[in-house]
Amino acid sequence: RPWFDGVITYGALDGLDRVPDVAAKLGYRAVILGVWDIT
């Protein structure tokens, strides 16, 4: 957090869909969620 206020993930499985929930509590400004498998 001291260096970054935006997060990019590579997918939304394996717990990564919870990243925005945590980022919201820590004052991040933006999350770009990855979808690894578009099918």
PDB file of all heavy atoms in Angstrom:
ATOM      1  N   ARG A   1       0.779  -1.243   0.000  1.00  0.00           N
ATOM      2  CA  ARG A   1       0.000   0.000   0.000  1.00  0.00           C
ATOM      3  C   ARG A   1       0.808   1.289   0.000  1.00  0.00           C
ATOM      4  O   ARG A   1       0.406   2.273  -0.649  1.00  0.00           O
ATOM      5  CB  ARG A   1      -0.992  -0.011   1.177  1.00  0.00           C
ATOM      6  CG  ARG A   1      -1.948   1.175   1.181  1.00  0.00           C
ATOM      7  CD  ARG A   1      -2.821   1.197  -0.068  1.00  0.00           C
ATOM      8  NE  ARG A   1      -3.665   2.384  -0.124  1.00  0.00           N
ATOM      9  CZ  ARG A   1      -3.302   3.543  -0.659  1.00  0.00           C
ATOM     10  NH1 ARG A   1      -2.086   3.673  -1.197  1.00  0.00           N
ATOM     11  NH2 ARG A   1      -4.129   4.560  -0.679  1.00  0.00           N
ATOM     12  N   PRO A   2       1.966   1.397   0.683  1.00  0.00           N
ATOM     13  CA  PRO A   2       2.678   2.681   0.636  1.00  0.00           C
ATOM     14  C   PRO A   2       3.083   3.115  -0.774  1.00  0.00           C
ATOM     15  O   PRO A   2       3.206   4.310  -1.042  1.00  0.00           O
ATOM     16  CB  PRO A   2       3.909   2.427   1.513  1.00  0.00           C
ATOM     17  CG  PRO A   2       3.483   1.354   2.454  1.00  0.00           C
ATOM     18  CD  PRO A   2       2.595   0.456   1.635  1.00  0.00           C
ATOM     19  N   TRP A   3       3.278   2.153  -1.674  1.00  0.00           N
ATOM     20  CA  TRP A   3       3.753   2.456  -3.024  1.00  0.00           C
ATOM     21  C   TRP A   3       2.664   2.360  -4.091  1.00  0.00           C
ATOM     22  O   TRP A   3       2.846   2.886  -5.191  1.00  0.00           O
ATOM     23  CB  TRP A   3       4.883   1.499  -3.417  1.00  0.00           C
ATOM     24  CG  TRP A   3       6.154   1.715  -2.662  1.00  0.00           C
ATOM     25  CD1 TRP A   3       7.190   2.558  -3.006  1.00  0.00           C
ATOM     26  CD2 TRP A   3       6.554   1.062  -1.459  1.00  0.00           C
ATOM     27  NE1 TRP A   3       8.195   2.469  -2.081  1.00  0.00           N
ATOM     28  CE2 TRP A   3       7.838   1.563  -1.111  1.00  0.00           C
ATOM     29  CE3 TRP A   3       5.959   0.113  -0.628  1.00  0.00           C
ATOM     30  CZ2 TRP A   3       8.533   1.134   0.014  1.00  0.00           C
ATOM     31  CZ3 TRP A   3       6.648  -0.315   0.501  1.00  0.00           C
ATOM     32  CH2 TRP A   3       7.910   0.201   0.812  1.00  0.00           C
ATOM     33  N   PHE A   4       1.570   1.674  -3.797  1.00  0.00           N
ATOM     34  CA  PHE A   4       0.569   1.389  -4.819  1.00  0.00           C
ATOM     35  C   PHE A   4      -0.838   1.651  -4.283  1.00  0.00           C
ATOM     36  O   PHE A   4      -1.138   1.349  -3.126  1.00  0.00           O
ATOM     37  CB  PHE A   4       0.671  -0.072  -5.269  1.00  0.00           C
ATOM     38  CG  PHE A   4       2.028  -0.459  -5.785  1.00  0.00           C
ATOM     39  CD1 PHE A   4       2.935  -1.135  -4.973  1.00  0.00           C
ATOM     40  CD2 PHE A   4       2.415  -0.128  -7.073  1.00  0.00           C
ATOM     41  CE1 PHE A   4       4.198  -1.476  -5.437  1.00  0.00           C
ATOM     42  CE2 PHE A   4       3.683  -0.459  -7.551  1.00  0.00           C
ATOM     43  CZ  PHE A   4       4.573  -1.142  -6.729  1.00  0.00           C
ATOM     44  N   ASP A   5      -1.680   2.204  -5.152  1.00  0.00           N
ATOM     45  CA  ASP A   5      -3.095   2.371  -4.789  1.00  0.00           C
ATOM     46  C   ASP A   5      -4.024   1.776  -5.839  1.00  0.00           C
ATOM     47  O   ASP A   5      -5.240   1.971  -5.799  1.00  0.00           O
ATOM     48  CB  ASP A   5      -3.440   3.833  -4.527  1.00  0.00           C
ATOM     49  CG  ASP A   5      -3.104   4.751  -5.704  1.00  0.00           C
ATOM     50  OD1 ASP A   5      -2.637   4.250  -6.744  1.00  0.00           O
ATOM     51  OD2 ASP A   5      -3.307   5.971  -5.569  1.00  0.00           O
ATOM     52  N   GLY A   6      -3.446   1.046  -6.781  1.00  0.00           N
ATOM     53  CA  GLY A   6      -4.213   0.309  -7.783  1.00  0.00           C
ATOM     54  C   GLY A   6      -3.689  -1.114  -7.881  1.00  0.00           C
ATOM     55  O   GLY A   6      -2.475  -1.341  -7.754  1.00  0.00           O
ATOM     56  N   VAL A   7      -4.565  -2.081  -8.068  1.00  0.00           N
ATOM     57  CA  VAL A   7      -4.196  -3.499  -8.129  1.00  0.00           C
ATOM     58  C   VAL A   7      -4.749  -4.112  -9.407  1.00  0.00           C
ATOM     59  O   VAL A   7      -5.896  -3.853  -9.781  1.00  0.00           O
ATOM     60  CB  VAL A   7      -4.764  -4.273  -6.917  1.00  0.00           C
ATOM     61  CG1 VAL A   7      -4.355  -5.749  -6.985  1.00  0.00           C
ATOM     62  CG2 VAL A   7      -4.297  -3.664  -5.609  1.00  0.00           C
ATOM     63  N   ILE A   8      -3.930  -4.921 -10.063  1.00  0.00           N
ATOM     64  CA  ILE A   8      -4.355  -5.699 -11.227  1.00  0.00           C
ATOM     65  C   ILE A   8      -4.185  -7.171 -10.875  1.00  0.00           C
ATOM     66  O   ILE A   8      -3.093  -7.594 -10.477  1.00  0.00           O
ATOM     67  CB  ILE A   8      -3.511  -5.387 -12.475  1.00  0.00           C
ATOM     68  CG1 ILE A   8      -3.467  -3.888 -12.756  1.00  0.00           C
ATOM     69  CG2 ILE A   8      -4.047  -6.142 -13.689  1.00  0.00           C
ATOM     70  CD1 ILE A   8      -2.430  -3.497 -13.808  1.00  0.00           C
ATOM     71  N   THR A   9      -5.235  -7.958 -11.012  1.00  0.00           N
ATOM     72  CA  THR A   9      -5.117  -9.396 -10.783  1.00  0.00           C
ATOM     73  C   THR A   9      -5.093 -10.125 -12.126  1.00  0.00           C
ATOM     74  O   THR A   9      -5.448  -9.567 -13.164  1.00  0.00           O
ATOM     75  CB  THR A   9      -6.274  -9.947  -9.933  1.00  0.00           C
ATOM     76  OG1 THR A   9      -7.460 -10.049 -10.734  1.00  0.00           O
ATOM     77  CG2 THR A   9      -6.535  -9.074  -8.716  1.00  0.00           C
ATOM     78  N   TYR A  10      -4.711 -11.402 -12.061  1.00  0.00           N
ATOM     79  CA  TYR A  10      -4.635 -12.220 -13.276  1.00  0.00           C
ATOM     80  C   TYR A  10      -5.860 -13.112 -13.454  1.00  0.00           C
ATOM     81  O   TYR A  10      -6.028 -13.712 -14.503  1.00  0.00           O
ATOM     82  CB  TYR A  10      -3.367 -13.078 -13.246  1.00  0.00           C
ATOM     83  CG  TYR A  10      -2.135 -12.274 -13.569  1.00  0.00           C
ATOM     84  CD1 TYR A  10      -1.505 -11.526 -12.580  1.00  0.00           C
ATOM     85  CD2 TYR A  10      -1.615 -12.235 -14.854  1.00  0.00           C
ATOM     86  CE1 TYR A  10      -0.382 -10.771 -12.858  1.00  0.00           C
ATOM     87  CE2 TYR A  10      -0.494 -11.489 -15.155  1.00  0.00           C
ATOM     88  CZ  TYR A  10       0.116 -10.750 -14.154  1.00  0.00           C
ATOM     89  OH  TYR A  10       1.224  -9.989 -14.442  1.00  0.00           O
ATOM     90  N   GLY A  11      -6.666 -13.212 -12.430  1.00  0.00           N
ATOM     91  CA  GLY A  11      -7.851 -14.045 -12.518  1.00  0.00           C
ATOM     92  C   GLY A  11      -8.830 -13.675 -11.424  1.00  0.00           C
ATOM     93  O   GLY A  11      -8.592 -12.758 -10.621  1.00  0.00           O
ATOM     94  N   ALA A  12      -9.943 -14.405 -11.381  1.00  0.00           N
ATOM     95  CA  ALA A  12     -10.961 -14.157 -10.361  1.00  0.00           C
ATOM     96  C   ALA A  12     -11.328 -15.430  -9.602  1.00  0.00           C
ATOM     97  O   ALA A  12     -12.288 -15.434  -8.837  1.00  0.00           O
ATOM     98  CB  ALA A  12     -12.207 -13.545 -10.996  1.00  0.00           C
ATOM     99  N   LEU A  13     -10.555 -16.506  -9.807  1.00  0.00           N
ATOM    100  CA  LEU A  13     -10.731 -17.726  -9.038  1.00  0.00           C
ATOM    101  C   LEU A  13      -9.626 -17.834  -7.987  1.00  0.00           C
ATOM    102  O   LEU A  13      -8.830 -16.914  -7.836  1.00  0.00           O
ATOM    103  CB  LEU A  13     -10.710 -18.941  -9.968  1.00  0.00           C
ATOM    104  CG  LEU A  13     -11.845 -19.035 -10.999  1.00  0.00           C
ATOM    105  CD1 LEU A  13     -11.656 -20.269 -11.888  1.00  0.00           C
ATOM    106  CD2 LEU A  13     -13.211 -19.068 -10.319  1.00  0.00           C
ATOM    107  N   ASP A  14      -9.590 -18.932  -7.265  1.00  0.00           N
ATOM    108  CA  ASP A  14      -8.545 -19.183  -6.264  1.00  0.00           C
ATOM    109  C   ASP A  14      -8.454 -18.072  -5.225  1.00  0.00           C
ATOM    110  O   ASP A  14      -7.372 -17.723  -4.753  1.00  0.00           O
ATOM    111  CB  ASP A  14      -7.181 -19.374  -6.952  1.00  0.00           C
ATOM    112  CG  ASP A  14      -7.176 -20.527  -7.939  1.00  0.00           C
ATOM    113  OD1 ASP A  14      -7.813 -21.556  -7.647  1.00  0.00           O
ATOM    114  OD2 ASP A  14      -6.550 -20.400  -9.003  1.00  0.00           O
ATOM    115  N   GLY A  15      -9.604 -17.485  -4.883  1.00  0.00           N
ATOM    116  CA  GLY A  15      -9.637 -16.445  -3.864  1.00  0.00           C
ATOM    117  C   GLY A  15      -9.409 -15.038  -4.363  1.00  0.00           C
ATOM    118  O   GLY A  15      -9.558 -14.068  -3.613  1.00  0.00           O
ATOM    119  N   LEU A  16      -9.061 -14.879  -5.644  1.00  0.00           N
ATOM    120  CA  LEU A  16      -8.735 -13.551  -6.164  1.00  0.00           C
ATOM    121  C   LEU A  16      -9.949 -12.638  -6.270  1.00  0.00           C
ATOM    122  O   LEU A  16      -9.796 -11.412  -6.323  1.00  0.00           O
ATOM    123  CB  LEU A  16      -8.044 -13.689  -7.517  1.00  0.00           C
ATOM    124  CG  LEU A  16      -6.593 -14.175  -7.430  1.00  0.00           C
ATOM    125  CD1 LEU A  16      -6.088 -14.639  -8.785  1.00  0.00           C
ATOM    126  CD2 LEU A  16      -5.688 -13.079  -6.874  1.00  0.00           C
ATOM    127  N   ASP A  17     -11.153 -13.198  -6.297  1.00  0.00           N
ATOM    128  CA  ASP A  17     -12.340 -12.345  -6.324  1.00  0.00           C
ATOM    129  C   ASP A  17     -12.543 -11.620  -4.995  1.00  0.00           C
ATOM    130  O   ASP A  17     -13.355 -10.693  -4.905  1.00  0.00           O
ATOM    131  CB  ASP A  17     -13.583 -13.154  -6.665  1.00  0.00           C
ATOM    132  CG  ASP A  17     -13.845 -14.286  -5.681  1.00  0.00           C
ATOM    133  OD1 ASP A  17     -12.874 -14.945  -5.256  1.00  0.00           O
ATOM    134  OD2 ASP A  17     -15.022 -14.506  -5.337  1.00  0.00           O
ATOM    135  N   ARG A  18     -11.762 -12.006  -3.954  1.00  0.00           N
ATOM    136  CA  ARG A  18     -11.844 -11.309  -2.668  1.00  0.00           C
ATOM    137  C   ARG A  18     -10.890 -10.128  -2.598  1.00  0.00           C
ATOM    138  O   ARG A  18     -10.939  -9.352  -1.629  1.00  0.00           O
ATOM    139  CB  ARG A  18     -11.526 -12.270  -1.515  1.00  0.00           C
ATOM    140  CG  ARG A  18     -12.274 -13.581  -1.528  1.00  0.00           C
ATOM    141  CD  ARG A  18     -13.784 -13.424  -1.656  1.00  0.00           C
ATOM    142  NE  ARG A  18     -14.380 -12.665  -0.558  1.00  0.00           N
ATOM    143  CZ  ARG A  18     -15.682 -12.453  -0.418  1.00  0.00           C
ATOM    144  NH1 ARG A  18     -16.521 -12.955  -1.321  1.00  0.00           N
ATOM    145  NH2 ARG A  18     -16.153 -11.763   0.590  1.00  0.00           N
ATOM    146  N   VAL A  19     -10.024  -9.955  -3.583  1.00  0.00           N
ATOM    147  CA  VAL A  19      -9.073  -8.838  -3.570  1.00  0.00           C
ATOM    148  C   VAL A  19      -9.782  -7.486  -3.439  1.00  0.00           C
ATOM    149  O   VAL A  19      -9.370  -6.642  -2.632  1.00  0.00           O
ATOM    150  CB  VAL A  19      -8.156  -8.880  -4.816  1.00  0.00           C
ATOM    151  CG1 VAL A  19      -7.358  -7.580  -4.956  1.00  0.00           C
ATOM    152  CG2 VAL A  19      -7.203 -10.065  -4.718  1.00  0.00           C
ATOM    153  N   PRO A  20     -10.864  -7.213  -4.199  1.00  0.00           N
ATOM    154  CA  PRO A  20     -11.534  -5.925  -4.015  1.00  0.00           C
ATOM    155  C   PRO A  20     -12.087  -5.726  -2.604  1.00  0.00           C
ATOM    156  O   PRO A  20     -12.077  -4.596  -2.083  1.00  0.00           O
ATOM    157  CB  PRO A  20     -12.665  -5.959  -5.054  1.00  0.00           C
ATOM    158  CG  PRO A  20     -12.200  -6.924  -6.085  1.00  0.00           C
ATOM    159  CD  PRO A  20     -11.446  -7.966  -5.330  1.00  0.00           C
ATOM    160  N   ASP A  21     -12.555  -6.795  -1.959  1.00  0.00           N
ATOM    161  CA  ASP A  21     -13.077  -6.678  -0.606  1.00  0.00           C
ATOM    162  C   ASP A  21     -11.995  -6.188   0.352  1.00  0.00           C
ATOM    163  O   ASP A  21     -12.223  -5.316   1.204  1.00  0.00           O
ATOM    164  CB  ASP A  21     -13.618  -8.028  -0.118  1.00  0.00           C
ATOM    165  CG  ASP A  21     -14.704  -8.587  -1.023  1.00  0.00           C
ATOM    166  OD1 ASP A  21     -15.462  -7.795  -1.608  1.00  0.00           O
ATOM    167  OD2 ASP A  21     -14.786  -9.814  -1.154  1.00  0.00           O
ATOM    168  N   VAL A  22     -10.792  -6.746   0.211  1.00  0.00           N
ATOM    169  CA  VAL A  22      -9.685  -6.350   1.073  1.00  0.00           C
ATOM    170  C   VAL A  22      -9.173  -4.970   0.681  1.00  0.00           C
ATOM    171  O   VAL A  22      -8.909  -4.116   1.544  1.00  0.00           O
ATOM    172  CB  VAL A  22      -8.550  -7.391   0.993  1.00  0.00           C
ATOM    173  CG1 VAL A  22      -7.363  -6.951   1.844  1.00  0.00           C
ATOM    174  CG2 VAL A  22      -9.047  -8.765   1.426  1.00  0.00           C
ATOM    175  N   ALA A  23      -9.026  -4.740  -0.619  1.00  0.00           N
ATOM    176  CA  ALA A  23      -8.510  -3.445  -1.091  1.00  0.00           C
ATOM    177  C   ALA A  23      -9.393  -2.294  -0.652  1.00  0.00           C
ATOM    178  O   ALA A  23      -8.901  -1.200  -0.332  1.00  0.00           O
ATOM    179  CB  ALA A  23      -8.380  -3.475  -2.609  1.00  0.00           C
ATOM    180  N   ALA A  24     -10.700  -2.515  -0.610  1.00  0.00           N
ATOM    181  CA  ALA A  24     -11.618  -1.454  -0.189  1.00  0.00           C
ATOM    182  C   ALA A  24     -11.349  -1.042   1.250  1.00  0.00           C
ATOM    183  O   ALA A  24     -11.410   0.150   1.594  1.00  0.00           O
ATOM    184  CB  ALA A  24     -13.064  -1.925  -0.347  1.00  0.00           C
ATOM    185  N   LYS A  25     -11.037  -2.001   2.106  1.00  0.00           N
ATOM    186  CA  LYS A  25     -10.771  -1.707   3.514  1.00  0.00           C
ATOM    187  C   LYS A  25      -9.451  -0.967   3.708  1.00  0.00           C
ATOM    188  O   LYS A  25      -9.265  -0.278   4.720  1.00  0.00           O
ATOM    189  CB  LYS A  25     -10.762  -2.999   4.322  1.00  0.00           C
ATOM    190  CG  LYS A  25     -12.083  -3.752   4.313  1.00  0.00           C
ATOM    191  CD  LYS A  25     -11.942  -5.107   5.006  1.00  0.00           C
ATOM    192  CE  LYS A  25     -13.226  -5.910   4.917  1.00  0.00           C
ATOM    193  NZ  LYS A  25     -13.060  -7.274   5.518  1.00  0.00           N
ATOM    194  N   LEU A  26      -8.535  -1.121   2.772  1.00  0.00           N
ATOM    195  CA  LEU A  26      -7.197  -0.548   2.919  1.00  0.00           C
ATOM    196  C   LEU A  26      -7.017   0.750   2.145  1.00  0.00           C
ATOM    197  O   LEU A  26      -5.899   1.273   2.069  1.00  0.00           O
ATOM    198  CB  LEU A  26      -6.152  -1.577   2.468  1.00  0.00           C
ATOM    199  CG  LEU A  26      -6.121  -2.873   3.289  1.00  0.00           C
ATOM    200  CD1 LEU A  26      -5.086  -3.831   2.725  1.00  0.00           C
ATOM    201  CD2 LEU A  26      -5.832  -2.573   4.763  1.00  0.00           C
ATOM    202  N   GLY A  27      -8.073   1.271   1.562  1.00  0.00           N
ATOM    203  CA  GLY A  27      -7.999   2.566   0.918  1.00  0.00           C
ATOM    204  C   GLY A  27      -7.405   2.568  -0.478  1.00  0.00           C
ATOM    205  O   GLY A  27      -6.938   3.614  -0.952  1.00  0.00           O
ATOM    206  N   TYR A  28      -7.424   1.434  -1.158  1.00  0.00           N
ATOM    207  CA  TYR A  28      -6.986   1.423  -2.559  1.00  0.00           C
ATOM    208  C   TYR A  28      -8.003   2.184  -3.406  1.00  0.00           C
ATOM    209  O   TYR A  28      -9.200   2.217  -3.101  1.00  0.00           O
ATOM    210  CB  TYR A  28      -6.842  -0.006  -3.073  1.00  0.00           C
ATOM    211  CG  TYR A  28      -5.543  -0.660  -2.673  1.00  0.00           C
ATOM    212  CD1 TYR A  28      -5.365  -1.190  -1.394  1.00  0.00           C
ATOM    213  CD2 TYR A  28      -4.476  -0.735  -3.566  1.00  0.00           C
ATOM    214  CE1 TYR A  28      -4.173  -1.784  -1.023  1.00  0.00           C
ATOM    215  CE2 TYR A  28      -3.277  -1.332  -3.209  1.00  0.00           C
ATOM    216  CZ  TYR A  28      -3.131  -1.858  -1.936  1.00  0.00           C
ATOM    217  OH  TYR A  28      -1.939  -2.441  -1.566  1.00  0.00           O
ATOM    218  N   ARG A  29      -7.525   2.776  -4.485  1.00  0.00           N
ATOM    219  CA  ARG A  29      -8.391   3.579  -5.362  1.00  0.00           C
ATOM    220  C   ARG A  29      -9.015   2.781  -6.481  1.00  0.00           C
ATOM    221  O   ARG A  29     -10.108   3.139  -6.967  1.00  0.00           O
ATOM    222  CB  ARG A  29      -7.577   4.733  -5.980  1.00  0.00           C
ATOM    223  CG  ARG A  29      -7.123   5.776  -5.017  1.00  0.00           C
ATOM    224  CD  ARG A  29      -6.098   6.708  -5.648  1.00  0.00           C
ATOM    225  NE  ARG A  29      -6.623   7.459  -6.787  1.00  0.00           N
ATOM    226  CZ  ARG A  29      -5.882   8.260  -7.548  1.00  0.00           C
ATOM    227  NH1 ARG A  29      -4.587   8.392  -7.298  1.00  0.00           N
ATOM    228  NH2 ARG A  29      -6.425   8.912  -8.538  1.00  0.00           N
ATOM    229  N   ALA A  30      -8.334   1.734  -6.945  1.00  0.00           N
ATOM    230  CA  ALA A  30      -8.797   1.052  -8.158  1.00  0.00           C
ATOM    231  C   ALA A  30      -8.322  -0.387  -8.179  1.00  0.00           C
ATOM    232  O   ALA A  30      -7.198  -0.696  -7.756  1.00  0.00           O
ATOM    233  CB  ALA A  30      -8.286   1.786  -9.400  1.00  0.00           C
ATOM    234  N   VAL A  31      -9.183  -1.271  -8.684  1.00  0.00           N
ATOM    235  CA  VAL A  31      -8.827  -2.665  -8.925  1.00  0.00           C
ATOM    236  C   VAL A  31      -9.252  -3.017 -10.346  1.00  0.00           C
ATOM    237  O   VAL A  31     -10.391  -2.757 -10.745  1.00  0.00           O
ATOM    238  CB  VAL A  31      -9.511  -3.624  -7.931  1.00  0.00           C
ATOM    239  CG1 VAL A  31      -9.237  -5.083  -8.318  1.00  0.00           C
ATOM    240  CG2 VAL A  31      -9.031  -3.362  -6.502  1.00  0.00           C
ATOM    241  N   ILE A  32      -8.324  -3.587 -11.113  1.00  0.00           N
ATOM    242  CA  ILE A  32      -8.636  -4.195 -12.407  1.00  0.00           C
ATOM    243  C   ILE A  32      -8.605  -5.696 -12.185  1.00  0.00           C
ATOM    244  O   ILE A  32      -7.556  -6.264 -11.868  1.00  0.00           O
ATOM    245  CB  ILE A  32      -7.626  -3.787 -13.491  1.00  0.00           C
ATOM    246  CG1 ILE A  32      -7.655  -2.270 -13.728  1.00  0.00           C
ATOM    247  CG2 ILE A  32      -7.911  -4.540 -14.794  1.00  0.00           C
ATOM    248  CD1 ILE A  32      -6.548  -1.767 -14.652  1.00  0.00           C
ATOM    249  N   LEU A  33      -9.766  -6.329 -12.309  1.00  0.00           N
ATOM    250  CA  LEU A  33      -9.864  -7.767 -12.081  1.00  0.00           C
ATOM    251  C   LEU A  33      -9.578  -8.536 -13.366  1.00  0.00           C
ATOM    252  O   LEU A  33     -10.154  -8.244 -14.419  1.00  0.00           O
ATOM    253  CB  LEU A  33     -11.255  -8.142 -11.580  1.00  0.00           C
ATOM    254  CG  LEU A  33     -11.504  -8.101 -10.071  1.00  0.00           C
ATOM    255  CD1 LEU A  33     -12.958  -8.442  -9.793  1.00  0.00           C
ATOM    256  CD2 LEU A  33     -10.588  -9.065  -9.323  1.00  0.00           C
ATOM    257  N   GLY A  34      -8.710  -9.514 -13.275  1.00  0.00           N
ATOM    258  CA  GLY A  34      -8.457 -10.371 -14.422  1.00  0.00           C
ATOM    259  C   GLY A  34      -9.492 -11.481 -14.523  1.00  0.00           C
ATOM    260  O   GLY A  34     -10.060 -11.915 -13.523  1.00  0.00           O
ATOM    261  N   VAL A  35      -9.748 -11.915 -15.748  1.00  0.00           N
ATOM    262  CA  VAL A  35     -10.512 -13.136 -16.017  1.00  0.00           C
ATOM    263  C   VAL A  35      -9.577 -14.017 -16.840  1.00  0.00           C
ATOM    264  O   VAL A  35      -9.382 -13.780 -18.032  1.00  0.00           O
ATOM    265  CB  VAL A  35     -11.815 -12.843 -16.773  1.00  0.00           C
ATOM    266  CG1 VAL A  35     -12.519 -14.144 -17.138  1.00  0.00           C
ATOM    267  CG2 VAL A  35     -12.736 -11.950 -15.943  1.00  0.00           C
ATOM    268  N   TRP A  36      -8.962 -14.992 -16.192  1.00  0.00           N
ATOM    269  CA  TRP A  36      -7.929 -15.794 -16.851  1.00  0.00           C
ATOM    270  C   TRP A  36      -8.507 -16.604 -18.009  1.00  0.00           C
ATOM    271  O   TRP A  36      -7.943 -16.641 -19.093  1.00  0.00           O
ATOM    272  CB  TRP A  36      -7.269 -16.715 -15.828  1.00  0.00           C
ATOM    273  CG  TRP A  36      -6.170 -17.547 -16.413  1.00  0.00           C
ATOM    274  CD1 TRP A  36      -6.251 -18.845 -16.842  1.00  0.00           C
ATOM    275  CD2 TRP A  36      -4.830 -17.131 -16.663  1.00  0.00           C
ATOM    276  NE1 TRP A  36      -5.049 -19.268 -17.340  1.00  0.00           N
ATOM    277  CE2 TRP A  36      -4.157 -18.234 -17.239  1.00  0.00           C
ATOM    278  CE3 TRP A  36      -4.133 -15.945 -16.451  1.00  0.00           C
ATOM    279  CZ2 TRP A  36      -2.817 -18.176 -17.600  1.00  0.00           C
ATOM    280  CZ3 TRP A  36      -2.797 -15.889 -16.819  1.00  0.00           C
ATOM    281  CH2 TRP A  36      -2.148 -16.990 -17.392  1.00  0.00           C
ATOM    282  N   ASP A  37      -9.640 -17.244 -17.769  1.00  0.00           N
ATOM    283  CA  ASP A  37     -10.267 -18.086 -18.787  1.00  0.00           C
ATOM    284  C   ASP A  37     -11.571 -17.425 -19.227  1.00  0.00           C
ATOM    285  O   ASP A  37     -12.561 -17.430 -18.491  1.00  0.00           O
ATOM    286  CB  ASP A  37     -10.537 -19.479 -18.223  1.00  0.00           C
ATOM    287  CG  ASP A  37     -11.107 -20.449 -19.258  1.00  0.00           C
ATOM    288  OD1 ASP A  37     -11.505 -20.004 -20.348  1.00  0.00           O
ATOM    289  OD2 ASP A  37     -11.173 -21.655 -18.951  1.00  0.00           O
ATOM    290  N   ILE A  38     -11.584 -16.873 -20.422  1.00  0.00           N
ATOM    291  CA  ILE A  38     -12.754 -16.118 -20.880  1.00  0.00           C
ATOM    292  C   ILE A  38     -13.928 -17.014 -21.251  1.00  0.00           C
ATOM    293  O   ILE A  38     -15.003 -16.516 -21.584  1.00  0.00           O
ATOM    294  CB  ILE A  38     -12.392 -15.217 -22.082  1.00  0.00           C
ATOM    295  CG1 ILE A  38     -11.867 -16.055 -23.260  1.00  0.00           C
ATOM    296  CG2 ILE A  38     -11.395 -14.143 -21.675  1.00  0.00           C
ATOM    297  CD1 ILE A  38     -11.636 -15.255 -24.528  1.00  0.00           C
ATOM    298  N   THR A  39     -13.750 -18.324 -21.162  1.00  0.00           N
ATOM    299  CA  THR A  39     -14.853 -19.257 -21.417  1.00  0.00           C
ATOM    300  C   THR A  39     -15.413 -19.852 -20.127  1.00  0.00           C
ATOM    301  O   THR A  39     -16.383 -20.618 -20.172  1.00  0.00           O
ATOM    302  CB  THR A  39     -14.409 -20.418 -22.332  1.00  0.00           C
ATOM    303  OG1 THR A  39     -13.472 -21.248 -21.633  1.00  0.00           O
ATOM    304  CG2 THR A  39     -13.762 -19.894 -23.600  1.00  0.00           C
TER     305      THR A  39
END
